[in-house]
């Protein structure tokens, strides 16, 4: 088995790598838990939210642009 051929001084590095892979799986699972959360949202509410989101992003972009021009 390949894992038996890994030098002892590399096992910590391997363990860290495997842990990072596990964290990615956990993170993805948490995100997927929201799938379908807005399935029953009213069209009017969704459109209002979308328009507000776009407007807020534009306002924030202007603020960031203004801050950058000092």
PDB file of N, CA and C in Angstrom:
ATOM      1  N   UNK A   1       0.841  -1.168   0.000  1.00  0.00           N
ATOM      2  CA  UNK A   1       0.000   0.000   0.000  1.00  0.00           C
ATOM      3  C   UNK A   1       0.889   1.235   0.000  1.00  0.00           C
ATOM      4  N   UNK A   2       0.521   2.248  -0.783  1.00  0.00           N
ATOM      5  CA  UNK A   2       1.349   3.439  -0.933  1.00  0.00           C
ATOM      6  C   UNK A   2       1.559   4.194   0.372  1.00  0.00           C
ATOM      7  N   UNK A   3       0.559   4.245   1.188  1.00  0.00           N
ATOM      8  CA  UNK A   3       0.661   5.020   2.431  1.00  0.00           C
ATOM      9  C   UNK A   3       1.747   4.469   3.349  1.00  0.00           C
ATOM     10  N   UNK A   4       2.005   3.190   3.280  1.00  0.00           N
ATOM     11  CA  UNK A   4       3.052   2.580   4.107  1.00  0.00           C
ATOM     12  C   UNK A   4       4.447   3.002   3.660  1.00  0.00           C
ATOM     13  N   UNK A   5       4.580   3.509   2.426  1.00  0.00           N
ATOM     14  CA  UNK A   5       5.886   3.922   1.901  1.00  0.00           C
ATOM     15  C   UNK A   5       6.178   5.391   2.182  1.00  0.00           C
ATOM     16  N   UNK A   6       5.252   6.118   2.782  1.00  0.00           N
ATOM     17  CA  UNK A   6       5.461   7.538   3.083  1.00  0.00           C
ATOM     18  C   UNK A   6       6.416   7.653   4.261  1.00  0.00           C
ATOM     19  N   UNK A   7       7.452   8.466   4.093  1.00  0.00           N
ATOM     20  CA  UNK A   7       8.410   8.645   5.191  1.00  0.00           C
ATOM     21  C   UNK A   7       7.730   9.262   6.418  1.00  0.00           C
ATOM     22  N   UNK A   8       8.188   8.888   7.586  1.00  0.00           N
ATOM     23  CA  UNK A   8       7.583   9.351   8.839  1.00  0.00           C
ATOM     24  C   UNK A   8       7.584  10.867   8.947  1.00  0.00           C
ATOM     25  N   UNK A   9       8.631  11.518   8.420  1.00  0.00           N
ATOM     26  CA  UNK A   9       8.707  12.976   8.526  1.00  0.00           C
ATOM     27  C   UNK A   9       7.708  13.686   7.608  1.00  0.00           C
ATOM     28  N   UNK A  10       7.045  12.973   6.727  1.00  0.00           N
ATOM     29  CA  UNK A  10       6.047  13.556   5.819  1.00  0.00           C
ATOM     30  C   UNK A  10       4.611  13.274   6.268  1.00  0.00           C
ATOM     31  N   UNK A  11       4.428  12.472   7.317  1.00  0.00           N
ATOM     32  CA  UNK A  11       3.087  12.096   7.755  1.00  0.00           C
ATOM     33  C   UNK A  11       2.276  13.299   8.248  1.00  0.00           C
ATOM     34  N   UNK A  12       2.912  14.237   8.942  1.00  0.00           N
ATOM     35  CA  UNK A  12       2.212  15.434   9.423  1.00  0.00           C
ATOM     36  C   UNK A  12       1.700  16.241   8.235  1.00  0.00           C
ATOM     37  N   UNK A  13       2.527  16.393   7.226  1.00  0.00           N
ATOM     38  CA  UNK A  13       2.132  17.126   6.018  1.00  0.00           C
ATOM     39  C   UNK A  13       0.946  16.433   5.334  1.00  0.00           C
ATOM     40  N   UNK A  14       0.991  15.124   5.259  1.00  0.00           N
ATOM     41  CA  UNK A  14      -0.094  14.355   4.666  1.00  0.00           C
ATOM     42  C   UNK A  14      -1.378  14.511   5.480  1.00  0.00           C
ATOM     43  N   UNK A  15      -1.250  14.458   6.804  1.00  0.00           N
ATOM     44  CA  UNK A  15      -2.411  14.618   7.680  1.00  0.00           C
ATOM     45  C   UNK A  15      -3.032  16.008   7.495  1.00  0.00           C
ATOM     46  N   UNK A  16      -2.201  17.042   7.404  1.00  0.00           N
ATOM     47  CA  UNK A  16      -2.713  18.393   7.181  1.00  0.00           C
ATOM     48  C   UNK A  16      -3.456  18.487   5.849  1.00  0.00           C
ATOM     49  N   UNK A  17      -2.897  17.843   4.826  1.00  0.00           N
ATOM     50  CA  UNK A  17      -3.529  17.865   3.512  1.00  0.00           C
ATOM     51  C   UNK A  17      -4.889  17.162   3.535  1.00  0.00           C
ATOM     52  N   UNK A  18      -4.945  16.011   4.160  1.00  0.00           N
ATOM     53  CA  UNK A  18      -6.208  15.270   4.251  1.00  0.00           C
ATOM     54  C   UNK A  18      -7.240  16.082   5.042  1.00  0.00           C
ATOM     55  N   UNK A  19      -6.800  16.735   6.102  1.00  0.00           N
ATOM     56  CA  UNK A  19      -7.706  17.582   6.889  1.00  0.00           C
ATOM     57  C   UNK A  19      -8.260  18.718   6.053  1.00  0.00           C
ATOM     58  N   UNK A  20      -7.422  19.312   5.199  1.00  0.00           N
ATOM     59  CA  UNK A  20      -7.907  20.397   4.340  1.00  0.00           C
ATOM     60  C   UNK A  20      -8.942  19.883   3.341  1.00  0.00           C
ATOM     61  N   UNK A  21      -8.761  18.672   2.852  1.00  0.00           N
ATOM     62  CA  UNK A  21      -9.750  18.076   1.949  1.00  0.00           C
ATOM     63  C   UNK A  21     -11.077  17.857   2.672  1.00  0.00           C
ATOM     64  N   UNK A  22     -10.994  17.388   3.909  1.00  0.00           N
ATOM     65  CA  UNK A  22     -12.205  17.162   4.706  1.00  0.00           C
ATOM     66  C   UNK A  22     -12.947  18.464   4.941  1.00  0.00           C
ATOM     67  N   UNK A  23     -12.228  19.540   5.211  1.00  0.00           N
ATOM     68  CA  UNK A  23     -12.864  20.836   5.444  1.00  0.00           C
ATOM     69  C   UNK A  23     -13.606  21.295   4.196  1.00  0.00           C
ATOM     70  N   UNK A  24     -13.048  21.034   3.019  1.00  0.00           N
ATOM     71  CA  UNK A  24     -13.718  21.390   1.767  1.00  0.00           C
ATOM     72  C   UNK A  24     -15.024  20.650   1.609  1.00  0.00           C
ATOM     73  N   UNK A  25     -15.054  19.389   1.991  1.00  0.00           N
ATOM     74  CA  UNK A  25     -16.277  18.586   1.901  1.00  0.00           C
ATOM     75  C   UNK A  25     -17.321  19.115   2.871  1.00  0.00           C
ATOM     76  N   UNK A  26     -16.907  19.446   4.083  1.00  0.00           N
ATOM     77  CA  UNK A  26     -17.834  19.971   5.087  1.00  0.00           C
ATOM     78  C   UNK A  26     -18.399  21.301   4.619  1.00  0.00           C
ATOM     79  N   UNK A  27     -17.555  22.176   4.091  1.00  0.00           N
ATOM     80  CA  UNK A  27     -17.982  23.493   3.620  1.00  0.00           C
ATOM     81  C   UNK A  27     -18.998  23.347   2.491  1.00  0.00           C
ATOM     82  N   UNK A  28     -18.730  22.464   1.542  1.00  0.00           N
ATOM     83  CA  UNK A  28     -19.645  22.231   0.426  1.00  0.00           C
ATOM     84  C   UNK A  28     -20.980  21.707   0.920  1.00  0.00           C
ATOM     85  N   UNK A  29     -20.961  20.811   1.884  1.00  0.00           N
ATOM     86  CA  UNK A  29     -22.194  20.253   2.418  1.00  0.00           C
ATOM     87  C   UNK A  29     -23.043  21.336   3.084  1.00  0.00           C
ATOM     88  N   UNK A  30     -22.394  22.256   3.801  1.00  0.00           N
ATOM     89  CA  UNK A  30     -23.128  23.343   4.442  1.00  0.00           C
ATOM     90  C   UNK A  30     -23.789  24.227   3.394  1.00  0.00           C
ATOM     91  N   UNK A  31     -23.071  24.529   2.313  1.00  0.00           N
ATOM     92  CA  UNK A  31     -23.641  25.352   1.255  1.00  0.00           C
ATOM     93  C   UNK A  31     -24.822  24.652   0.591  1.00  0.00           C
ATOM     94  N   UNK A  32     -24.690  23.378   0.344  1.00  0.00           N
ATOM     95  CA  UNK A  32     -25.757  22.639  -0.319  1.00  0.00           C
ATOM     96  C   UNK A  32     -26.992  22.508   0.562  1.00  0.00           C
ATOM     97  N   UNK A  33     -26.838  22.688   1.865  1.00  0.00           N
ATOM     98  CA  UNK A  33     -27.995  22.590   2.749  1.00  0.00           C
ATOM     99  C   UNK A  33     -29.001  23.712   2.483  1.00  0.00           C
ATOM    100  N   UNK A  34     -28.573  24.771   1.792  1.00  0.00           N
ATOM    101  CA  UNK A  34     -29.471  25.871   1.458  1.00  0.00           C
ATOM    102  C   UNK A  34     -30.203  25.654   0.133  1.00  0.00           C
ATOM    103  N   UNK A  35     -29.869  24.599  -0.569  1.00  0.00           N
ATOM    104  CA  UNK A  35     -30.490  24.343  -1.867  1.00  0.00           C
ATOM    105  C   UNK A  35     -32.012  24.270  -1.718  1.00  0.00           C
ATOM    106  N   UNK A  36     -32.698  25.034  -2.544  1.00  0.00           N
ATOM    107  CA  UNK A  36     -34.160  25.038  -2.528  1.00  0.00           C
ATOM    108  C   UNK A  36     -34.771  25.911  -1.452  1.00  0.00           C
ATOM    109  N   UNK A  37     -33.940  26.637  -0.699  1.00  0.00           N
ATOM    110  CA  UNK A  37     -34.458  27.444   0.407  1.00  0.00           C
ATOM    111  C   UNK A  37     -35.414  28.527  -0.078  1.00  0.00           C
ATOM    112  N   UNK A  38     -35.215  29.003  -1.295  1.00  0.00           N
ATOM    113  CA  UNK A  38     -36.070  30.070  -1.813  1.00  0.00           C
ATOM    114  C   UNK A  38     -37.090  29.539  -2.820  1.00  0.00           C
ATOM    115  N   UNK A  39     -37.298  28.295  -2.823  1.00  0.00           N
ATOM    116  CA  UNK A  39     -38.187  27.664  -3.790  1.00  0.00           C
ATOM    117  C   UNK A  39     -39.587  28.260  -3.758  1.00  0.00           C
ATOM    118  N   UNK A  40     -40.104  28.582  -2.575  1.00  0.00           N
ATOM    119  CA  UNK A  40     -41.483  29.049  -2.438  1.00  0.00           C
ATOM    120  C   UNK A  40     -41.596  30.566  -2.278  1.00  0.00           C
ATOM    121  N   UNK A  41     -40.539  31.308  -2.592  1.00  0.00           N
ATOM    122  CA  UNK A  41     -40.584  32.756  -2.423  1.00  0.00           C
ATOM    123  C   UNK A  41     -41.505  33.386  -3.470  1.00  0.00           C
ATOM    124  N   UNK A  42     -42.246  34.370  -3.043  1.00  0.00           N
ATOM    125  CA  UNK A  42     -43.174  35.081  -3.914  1.00  0.00           C
ATOM    126  C   UNK A  42     -42.384  35.834  -4.996  1.00  0.00           C
ATOM    127  N   UNK A  43     -42.880  35.835  -6.234  1.00  0.00           N
ATOM    128  CA  UNK A  43     -42.175  36.489  -7.336  1.00  0.00           C
ATOM    129  C   UNK A  43     -41.955  37.976  -7.084  1.00  0.00           C
ATOM    130  N   UNK A  44     -42.936  38.658  -6.526  1.00  0.00           N
ATOM    131  CA  UNK A  44     -42.822  40.096  -6.251  1.00  0.00           C
ATOM    132  C   UNK A  44     -41.715  40.339  -5.220  1.00  0.00           C
ATOM    133  N   UNK A  45     -41.693  39.532  -4.166  1.00  0.00           N
ATOM    134  CA  UNK A  45     -40.673  39.665  -3.131  1.00  0.00           C
ATOM    135  C   UNK A  45     -39.291  39.389  -3.721  1.00  0.00           C
ATOM    136  N   UNK A  46     -39.192  38.370  -4.542  1.00  0.00           N
ATOM    137  CA  UNK A  46     -37.913  38.032  -5.160  1.00  0.00           C
ATOM    138  C   UNK A  46     -37.426  39.162  -6.061  1.00  0.00           C
ATOM    139  N   UNK A  47     -38.314  39.719  -6.864  1.00  0.00           N
ATOM    140  CA  UNK A  47     -37.932  40.819  -7.753  1.00  0.00           C
ATOM    141  C   UNK A  47     -37.501  42.048  -6.958  1.00  0.00           C
ATOM    142  N   UNK A  48     -38.229  42.369  -5.885  1.00  0.00           N
ATOM    143  CA  UNK A  48     -37.844  43.496  -5.030  1.00  0.00           C
ATOM    144  C   UNK A  48     -36.461  43.259  -4.428  1.00  0.00           C
ATOM    145  N   UNK A  49     -36.245  42.057  -3.940  1.00  0.00           N
ATOM    146  CA  UNK A  49     -34.949  41.721  -3.353  1.00  0.00           C
ATOM    147  C   UNK A  49     -33.838  41.856  -4.382  1.00  0.00           C
ATOM    148  N   UNK A  50     -34.072  41.347  -5.575  1.00  0.00           N
ATOM    149  CA  UNK A  50     -33.066  41.405  -6.635  1.00  0.00           C
ATOM    150  C   UNK A  50     -32.751  42.846  -7.000  1.00  0.00           C
ATOM    151  N   UNK A  51     -33.781  43.665  -7.154  1.00  0.00           N
ATOM    152  CA  UNK A  51     -33.558  45.071  -7.487  1.00  0.00           C
ATOM    153  C   UNK A  51     -32.810  45.784  -6.364  1.00  0.00           C
ATOM    154  N   UNK A  52     -33.189  45.522  -5.117  1.00  0.00           N
ATOM    155  CA  UNK A  52     -32.492  46.126  -3.978  1.00  0.00           C
ATOM    156  C   UNK A  52     -31.029  45.697  -3.948  1.00  0.00           C
ATOM    157  N   UNK A  53     -30.786  44.438  -4.237  1.00  0.00           N
ATOM    158  CA  UNK A  53     -29.421  43.918  -4.236  1.00  0.00           C
ATOM    159  C   UNK A  53     -28.575  44.635  -5.281  1.00  0.00           C
ATOM    160  N   UNK A  54     -29.107  44.783  -6.476  1.00  0.00           N
ATOM    161  CA  UNK A  54     -28.387  45.462  -7.557  1.00  0.00           C
ATOM    162  C   UNK A  54     -28.121  46.915  -7.174  1.00  0.00           C
ATOM    163  N   UNK A  55     -29.133  47.603  -6.657  1.00  0.00           N
ATOM    164  CA  UNK A  55     -28.975  49.011  -6.264  1.00  0.00           C
ATOM    165  C   UNK A  55     -27.943  49.159  -5.154  1.00  0.00           C
ATOM    166  N   UNK A  56     -27.997  48.278  -4.152  1.00  0.00           N
ATOM    167  CA  UNK A  56     -27.038  48.350  -3.046  1.00  0.00           C
ATOM    168  C   UNK A  56     -25.608  48.098  -3.524  1.00  0.00           C
ATOM    169  N   UNK A  57     -25.435  47.178  -4.438  1.00  0.00           N
ATOM    170  CA  UNK A  57     -24.098  46.911  -4.969  1.00  0.00           C
ATOM    171  C   UNK A  57     -23.561  48.118  -5.731  1.00  0.00           C
ATOM    172  N   UNK A  58     -24.446  48.777  -6.483  1.00  0.00           N
ATOM    173  CA  UNK A  58     -24.012  49.970  -7.216  1.00  0.00           C
ATOM    174  C   UNK A  58     -23.631  51.083  -6.251  1.00  0.00           C
ATOM    175  N   UNK A  59     -24.401  51.274  -5.181  1.00  0.00           N
ATOM    176  CA  UNK A  59     -24.075  52.291  -4.173  1.00  0.00           C
ATOM    177  C   UNK A  59     -22.728  51.985  -3.528  1.00  0.00           C
ATOM    178  N   UNK A  60     -22.521  50.719  -3.162  1.00  0.00           N
ATOM    179  CA  UNK A  60     -21.257  50.326  -2.536  1.00  0.00           C
ATOM    180  C   UNK A  60     -20.086  50.515  -3.488  1.00  0.00           C
ATOM    181  N   UNK A  61     -20.286  50.231  -4.755  1.00  0.00           N
ATOM    182  CA  UNK A  61     -19.221  50.391  -5.741  1.00  0.00           C
ATOM    183  C   UNK A  61     -18.837  51.863  -5.847  1.00  0.00           C
ATOM    184  N   UNK A  62     -19.841  52.754  -5.852  1.00  0.00           N
ATOM    185  CA  UNK A  62     -19.548  54.183  -5.919  1.00  0.00           C
ATOM    186  C   UNK A  62     -18.756  54.625  -4.690  1.00  0.00           C
ATOM    187  N   UNK A  63     -19.150  54.114  -3.511  1.00  0.00           N
ATOM    188  CA  UNK A  63     -18.446  54.462  -2.281  1.00  0.00           C
ATOM    189  C   UNK A  63     -16.994  53.992  -2.324  1.00  0.00           C
ATOM    190  N   UNK A  64     -16.778  52.804  -2.820  1.00  0.00           N
ATOM    191  CA  UNK A  64     -15.416  52.258  -2.913  1.00  0.00           C
ATOM    192  C   UNK A  64     -14.606  53.083  -3.908  1.00  0.00           C
ATOM    193  N   UNK A  65     -15.227  53.440  -5.047  1.00  0.00           N
ATOM    194  CA  UNK A  65     -14.534  54.243  -6.040  1.00  0.00           C
ATOM    195  C   UNK A  65     -14.165  55.607  -5.467  1.00  0.00           C
ATOM    196  N   UNK A  66     -15.057  56.193  -4.680  1.00  0.00           N
ATOM    197  CA  UNK A  66     -14.795  57.499  -4.080  1.00  0.00           C
ATOM    198  C   UNK A  66     -13.668  57.395  -3.053  1.00  0.00           C
ATOM    199  N   UNK A  67     -13.619  56.326  -2.308  1.00  0.00           N
ATOM    200  CA  UNK A  67     -12.571  56.156  -1.310  1.00  0.00           C
ATOM    201  C   UNK A  67     -11.211  55.978  -1.981  1.00  0.00           C
ATOM    202  N   UNK A  68     -11.212  55.374  -3.123  1.00  0.00           N
ATOM    203  CA  UNK A  68      -9.956  55.119  -3.817  1.00  0.00           C
ATOM    204  C   UNK A  68      -9.371  56.341  -4.487  1.00  0.00           C
ATOM    205  N   UNK A  69     -10.129  57.422  -4.577  1.00  0.00           N
ATOM    206  CA  UNK A  69      -9.642  58.602  -5.303  1.00  0.00           C
ATOM    207  C   UNK A  69      -9.012  59.646  -4.389  1.00  0.00           C
ATOM    208  N   UNK A  70      -8.626  59.266  -3.175  1.00  0.00           N
ATOM    209  CA  UNK A  70      -7.994  60.217  -2.243  1.00  0.00           C
ATOM    210  C   UNK A  70      -6.639  60.625  -2.725  1.00  0.00           C
TER     211      UNK A  70
END
